[in-house]
N, C-alpha and C. Protein backbone atom coordinates (compact mmCIF):
# COMPACT_ATOMS: atom_id res chain seq x y z
N UNK A 1 17.82 1.60 -35.08
CA UNK A 1 16.70 2.42 -34.66
C UNK A 1 15.76 1.57 -33.82
N UNK A 2 15.25 2.12 -32.73
CA UNK A 2 14.39 1.37 -31.82
C UNK A 2 13.01 1.15 -32.45
N UNK A 3 12.38 0.01 -32.15
CA UNK A 3 11.04 -0.23 -32.67
C UNK A 3 10.05 0.72 -32.02
N UNK A 4 8.89 0.93 -32.63
CA UNK A 4 7.88 1.80 -32.03
C UNK A 4 7.51 1.31 -30.63
N UNK A 5 7.09 2.23 -29.77
CA UNK A 5 6.77 1.88 -28.39
C UNK A 5 5.69 0.81 -28.31
N UNK A 6 4.65 0.92 -29.15
CA UNK A 6 3.57 -0.06 -29.10
C UNK A 6 4.08 -1.45 -29.44
N UNK A 7 5.04 -1.54 -30.35
CA UNK A 7 5.57 -2.85 -30.72
C UNK A 7 6.38 -3.42 -29.57
N UNK A 8 7.16 -2.60 -28.90
CA UNK A 8 7.95 -3.09 -27.78
C UNK A 8 7.05 -3.59 -26.66
N UNK A 9 5.97 -2.87 -26.38
CA UNK A 9 5.07 -3.29 -25.31
C UNK A 9 4.41 -4.62 -25.66
N UNK A 10 3.97 -4.78 -26.90
CA UNK A 10 3.33 -6.04 -27.28
C UNK A 10 4.33 -7.18 -27.23
N UNK A 11 5.58 -6.93 -27.59
CA UNK A 11 6.61 -7.96 -27.50
C UNK A 11 6.80 -8.38 -26.05
N UNK A 12 6.79 -7.43 -25.14
CA UNK A 12 6.98 -7.74 -23.72
C UNK A 12 5.87 -8.65 -23.23
N UNK A 13 4.62 -8.30 -23.55
CA UNK A 13 3.51 -9.10 -23.06
C UNK A 13 3.51 -10.48 -23.70
N UNK A 14 3.89 -10.56 -24.96
CA UNK A 14 3.94 -11.85 -25.64
C UNK A 14 5.03 -12.72 -25.02
N UNK A 15 6.19 -12.14 -24.74
CA UNK A 15 7.30 -12.90 -24.18
C UNK A 15 7.06 -13.26 -22.72
N UNK A 16 6.42 -12.39 -21.98
CA UNK A 16 6.24 -12.61 -20.56
C UNK A 16 5.08 -13.52 -20.21
N UNK A 17 4.23 -13.86 -21.15
CA UNK A 17 3.03 -14.63 -20.86
C UNK A 17 3.37 -15.99 -20.26
N UNK A 18 4.33 -16.69 -20.82
CA UNK A 18 4.68 -18.01 -20.32
C UNK A 18 5.20 -17.96 -18.89
N UNK A 19 5.98 -16.95 -18.57
CA UNK A 19 6.50 -16.80 -17.22
C UNK A 19 5.39 -16.60 -16.21
N UNK A 20 4.40 -15.82 -16.58
CA UNK A 20 3.28 -15.58 -15.69
C UNK A 20 2.50 -16.87 -15.46
N UNK A 21 2.29 -17.64 -16.52
CA UNK A 21 1.58 -18.90 -16.37
C UNK A 21 2.34 -19.84 -15.46
N UNK A 22 3.66 -19.89 -15.58
CA UNK A 22 4.46 -20.75 -14.71
C UNK A 22 4.32 -20.31 -13.25
N UNK A 23 4.32 -19.00 -13.00
CA UNK A 23 4.19 -18.53 -11.63
C UNK A 23 2.84 -18.92 -11.06
N UNK A 24 1.77 -18.81 -11.87
CA UNK A 24 0.45 -19.18 -11.39
C UNK A 24 0.38 -20.67 -11.12
N UNK A 25 1.01 -21.49 -11.95
CA UNK A 25 1.01 -22.93 -11.73
C UNK A 25 1.78 -23.30 -10.47
N UNK A 26 2.82 -22.54 -10.16
CA UNK A 26 3.61 -22.80 -8.96
C UNK A 26 2.91 -22.31 -7.70
N UNK A 27 1.81 -21.61 -7.85
CA UNK A 27 1.07 -21.14 -6.69
C UNK A 27 1.32 -19.69 -6.36
N UNK A 28 2.17 -19.01 -7.10
CA UNK A 28 2.47 -17.61 -6.83
C UNK A 28 1.59 -16.68 -7.63
N UNK A 29 1.40 -15.48 -7.14
CA UNK A 29 0.64 -14.48 -7.87
C UNK A 29 1.54 -13.75 -8.84
N UNK A 30 0.95 -12.95 -9.70
CA UNK A 30 1.75 -12.24 -10.69
C UNK A 30 2.60 -11.14 -10.04
N UNK A 31 2.18 -10.64 -8.89
CA UNK A 31 2.97 -9.59 -8.24
C UNK A 31 4.01 -10.16 -7.29
N UNK A 32 3.72 -11.26 -6.66
CA UNK A 32 4.62 -11.79 -5.65
C UNK A 32 4.74 -13.30 -5.83
N UNK A 33 5.55 -13.75 -6.77
CA UNK A 33 5.60 -15.17 -7.09
C UNK A 33 6.16 -16.04 -5.97
N UNK A 34 6.92 -15.49 -5.03
CA UNK A 34 7.51 -16.32 -3.99
C UNK A 34 6.73 -16.28 -2.69
N UNK A 35 5.71 -15.44 -2.58
CA UNK A 35 4.92 -15.36 -1.36
C UNK A 35 3.53 -15.89 -1.63
N UNK A 36 3.22 -17.05 -1.06
CA UNK A 36 1.91 -17.66 -1.26
C UNK A 36 1.36 -18.08 0.08
N UNK A 37 0.13 -18.55 0.07
CA UNK A 37 -0.47 -19.02 1.30
C UNK A 37 0.09 -20.38 1.70
N UNK A 38 0.66 -21.13 0.76
CA UNK A 38 1.26 -22.42 1.04
C UNK A 38 2.70 -22.20 1.51
N UNK A 39 2.98 -22.46 2.77
CA UNK A 39 4.30 -22.17 3.33
C UNK A 39 5.39 -23.00 2.69
N UNK A 40 5.09 -24.19 2.20
CA UNK A 40 6.10 -25.05 1.62
C UNK A 40 6.48 -24.69 0.21
N UNK A 41 5.71 -23.88 -0.47
CA UNK A 41 5.97 -23.61 -1.88
C UNK A 41 7.26 -22.82 -2.09
N UNK A 42 7.66 -22.00 -1.12
CA UNK A 42 8.92 -21.25 -1.25
C UNK A 42 10.11 -22.20 -1.34
N UNK A 43 10.10 -23.22 -0.54
CA UNK A 43 11.23 -24.16 -0.54
C UNK A 43 11.17 -25.11 -1.71
N UNK A 44 10.00 -25.29 -2.31
CA UNK A 44 9.84 -26.21 -3.44
C UNK A 44 10.15 -25.56 -4.78
N UNK A 45 10.41 -24.26 -4.79
CA UNK A 45 10.65 -23.57 -6.06
C UNK A 45 11.89 -24.14 -6.73
N UNK A 46 11.76 -24.54 -7.98
CA UNK A 46 12.90 -25.14 -8.69
C UNK A 46 13.90 -24.07 -9.10
N UNK A 47 15.12 -24.50 -9.36
CA UNK A 47 16.16 -23.57 -9.81
C UNK A 47 15.80 -22.97 -11.15
N UNK A 48 15.16 -23.77 -12.03
CA UNK A 48 14.77 -23.26 -13.34
C UNK A 48 13.80 -22.10 -13.21
N UNK A 49 12.84 -22.21 -12.30
CA UNK A 49 11.88 -21.13 -12.09
C UNK A 49 12.58 -19.90 -11.53
N UNK A 50 13.51 -20.10 -10.61
CA UNK A 50 14.26 -18.97 -10.06
C UNK A 50 15.07 -18.29 -11.15
N UNK A 51 15.67 -19.08 -12.04
CA UNK A 51 16.42 -18.50 -13.15
C UNK A 51 15.50 -17.74 -14.09
N UNK A 52 14.29 -18.29 -14.34
CA UNK A 52 13.32 -17.60 -15.19
C UNK A 52 12.94 -16.26 -14.59
N UNK A 53 12.75 -16.23 -13.27
CA UNK A 53 12.41 -14.98 -12.61
C UNK A 53 13.56 -13.99 -12.73
N UNK A 54 14.77 -14.47 -12.57
CA UNK A 54 15.93 -13.59 -12.68
C UNK A 54 16.01 -12.98 -14.08
N UNK A 55 15.79 -13.80 -15.10
CA UNK A 55 15.80 -13.30 -16.48
C UNK A 55 14.67 -12.31 -16.68
N UNK A 56 13.48 -12.63 -16.15
CA UNK A 56 12.34 -11.73 -16.28
C UNK A 56 12.61 -10.40 -15.58
N UNK A 57 13.22 -10.48 -14.39
CA UNK A 57 13.53 -9.26 -13.66
C UNK A 57 14.53 -8.40 -14.43
N UNK A 58 15.52 -9.04 -15.03
CA UNK A 58 16.51 -8.30 -15.82
C UNK A 58 15.85 -7.67 -17.04
N UNK A 59 14.96 -8.43 -17.69
CA UNK A 59 14.26 -7.90 -18.86
C UNK A 59 13.38 -6.72 -18.45
N UNK A 60 12.70 -6.86 -17.32
CA UNK A 60 11.85 -5.78 -16.83
C UNK A 60 12.69 -4.55 -16.47
N UNK A 61 13.83 -4.76 -15.83
CA UNK A 61 14.71 -3.64 -15.48
C UNK A 61 15.20 -2.93 -16.74
N UNK A 62 15.53 -3.70 -17.77
CA UNK A 62 15.98 -3.09 -19.03
C UNK A 62 14.84 -2.31 -19.67
N UNK A 63 13.63 -2.86 -19.62
CA UNK A 63 12.48 -2.15 -20.19
C UNK A 63 12.19 -0.87 -19.42
N UNK A 64 12.31 -0.92 -18.10
CA UNK A 64 12.09 0.29 -17.30
C UNK A 64 13.13 1.36 -17.61
N UNK A 65 14.37 0.95 -17.78
CA UNK A 65 15.42 1.91 -18.14
C UNK A 65 15.14 2.51 -19.50
N UNK A 66 14.68 1.68 -20.45
CA UNK A 66 14.33 2.17 -21.78
C UNK A 66 13.17 3.15 -21.69
N UNK A 67 12.20 2.85 -20.83
CA UNK A 67 11.06 3.75 -20.65
C UNK A 67 11.52 5.08 -20.05
N UNK A 68 12.39 5.02 -19.05
CA UNK A 68 12.92 6.26 -18.45
C UNK A 68 13.63 7.11 -19.49
N UNK A 69 14.47 6.46 -20.29
CA UNK A 69 15.22 7.18 -21.32
C UNK A 69 14.26 7.80 -22.33
N UNK A 70 13.27 7.03 -22.74
CA UNK A 70 12.30 7.52 -23.71
C UNK A 70 11.50 8.70 -23.14
N UNK A 71 11.08 8.58 -21.88
CA UNK A 71 10.32 9.66 -21.26
C UNK A 71 11.18 10.92 -21.12
N UNK A 72 12.44 10.74 -20.75
CA UNK A 72 13.34 11.89 -20.61
C UNK A 72 13.53 12.58 -21.95
N UNK A 73 13.73 11.80 -23.01
CA UNK A 73 13.90 12.36 -24.35
C UNK A 73 12.64 13.09 -24.80
N UNK A 74 11.47 12.47 -24.57
CA UNK A 74 10.21 13.10 -24.94
C UNK A 74 10.00 14.40 -24.16
N UNK A 75 10.33 14.39 -22.87
CA UNK A 75 10.18 15.57 -22.04
C UNK A 75 11.09 16.70 -22.53
N UNK A 76 12.34 16.36 -22.81
CA UNK A 76 13.28 17.37 -23.29
C UNK A 76 12.82 17.96 -24.62
N UNK A 77 12.27 17.13 -25.50
CA UNK A 77 11.77 17.62 -26.78
C UNK A 77 10.58 18.55 -26.57
N UNK A 78 9.69 18.17 -25.64
CA UNK A 78 8.52 19.01 -25.36
C UNK A 78 8.94 20.35 -24.77
N UNK A 79 9.90 20.35 -23.86
CA UNK A 79 10.40 21.60 -23.27
C UNK A 79 11.03 22.47 -24.35
N UNK A 80 11.79 21.86 -25.22
CA UNK A 80 12.42 22.61 -26.32
C UNK A 80 11.36 23.25 -27.21
N UNK A 81 10.33 22.48 -27.54
CA UNK A 81 9.24 23.02 -28.37
C UNK A 81 8.54 24.18 -27.67
N UNK A 82 8.31 24.04 -26.36
CA UNK A 82 7.65 25.12 -25.62
C UNK A 82 8.52 26.38 -25.59
N UNK A 83 9.82 26.20 -25.42
CA UNK A 83 10.72 27.36 -25.42
C UNK A 83 10.69 28.07 -26.76
N UNK A 84 10.68 27.30 -27.84
CA UNK A 84 10.60 27.90 -29.18
C UNK A 84 9.29 28.66 -29.34
N UNK A 85 8.19 28.05 -28.87
CA UNK A 85 6.89 28.72 -28.97
C UNK A 85 6.87 30.00 -28.15
N UNK A 86 7.42 29.97 -26.95
CA UNK A 86 7.46 31.16 -26.10
C UNK A 86 8.31 32.25 -26.75
N UNK A 87 9.43 31.87 -27.34
CA UNK A 87 10.29 32.83 -28.02
C UNK A 87 9.54 33.46 -29.20
N UNK A 88 8.82 32.62 -29.95
CA UNK A 88 8.06 33.12 -31.10
C UNK A 88 6.97 34.09 -30.65
N UNK A 89 6.28 33.76 -29.57
CA UNK A 89 5.24 34.65 -29.04
C UNK A 89 5.88 35.96 -28.59
N UNK A 90 7.02 35.88 -27.91
CA UNK A 90 7.71 37.09 -27.48
C UNK A 90 8.10 37.97 -28.65
N UNK A 91 8.57 37.36 -29.73
CA UNK A 91 8.93 38.11 -30.93
C UNK A 91 7.71 38.82 -31.51
N UNK A 92 6.59 38.11 -31.54
CA UNK A 92 5.35 38.72 -32.08
C UNK A 92 4.88 39.87 -31.19
N UNK A 93 4.97 39.68 -29.88
CA UNK A 93 4.56 40.74 -28.95
C UNK A 93 5.44 41.97 -29.15
N UNK A 94 6.74 41.77 -29.29
CA UNK A 94 7.64 42.91 -29.52
C UNK A 94 7.29 43.63 -30.81
N UNK A 95 6.99 42.89 -31.86
CA UNK A 95 6.62 43.50 -33.14
C UNK A 95 5.33 44.30 -33.00
N UNK A 96 4.35 43.75 -32.27
CA UNK A 96 3.09 44.48 -32.06
C UNK A 96 3.31 45.74 -31.23
N UNK A 97 4.16 45.65 -30.21
CA UNK A 97 4.46 46.83 -29.40
C UNK A 97 5.09 47.93 -30.25
N UNK A 98 6.00 47.54 -31.14
CA UNK A 98 6.64 48.53 -32.01
C UNK A 98 5.61 49.18 -32.94
N UNK A 99 4.70 48.38 -33.47
CA UNK A 99 3.66 48.94 -34.36
C UNK A 99 2.75 49.89 -33.59
N UNK A 100 2.38 49.50 -32.36
CA UNK A 100 1.53 50.36 -31.55
C UNK A 100 2.24 51.67 -31.20
N UNK A 101 3.53 51.57 -30.90
CA UNK A 101 4.29 52.77 -30.58
C UNK A 101 4.40 53.69 -31.79
N UNK A 102 4.49 53.10 -32.98
CA UNK A 102 4.59 53.94 -34.18
C UNK A 102 3.27 54.67 -34.43
N UNK A 103 2.14 54.09 -34.05
CA UNK A 103 0.85 54.76 -34.20
C UNK A 103 0.68 55.86 -33.16
N UNK A 104 1.27 55.67 -32.00
CA UNK A 104 1.12 56.63 -30.91
C UNK A 104 1.92 57.91 -31.17
N UNK A 105 2.96 57.84 -31.96
CA UNK A 105 3.77 59.03 -32.19
C UNK A 105 3.36 59.79 -33.40
């Protein structure tokens, strides 16, 4: 069973903190770690940092896929609930119409 969403998000931020600090130390921003004002920093990036980014990107891609799946499941459940509610309202309206018709005759 998957952990609660809030737990997964906190795990992500806890795990990703070190990677962000490394990017800032290397001169990169959190959004664009390889594009900086220092032209030489791109060529100075170590293989370890590149591997860390690759792992982070894979982890982020997996988290995004998990989020998409979760959102799709939540949406489908909400649509199903709305359909049930609409059906229930329709049933009640039909019952009221029948009662009104019985009074009219």
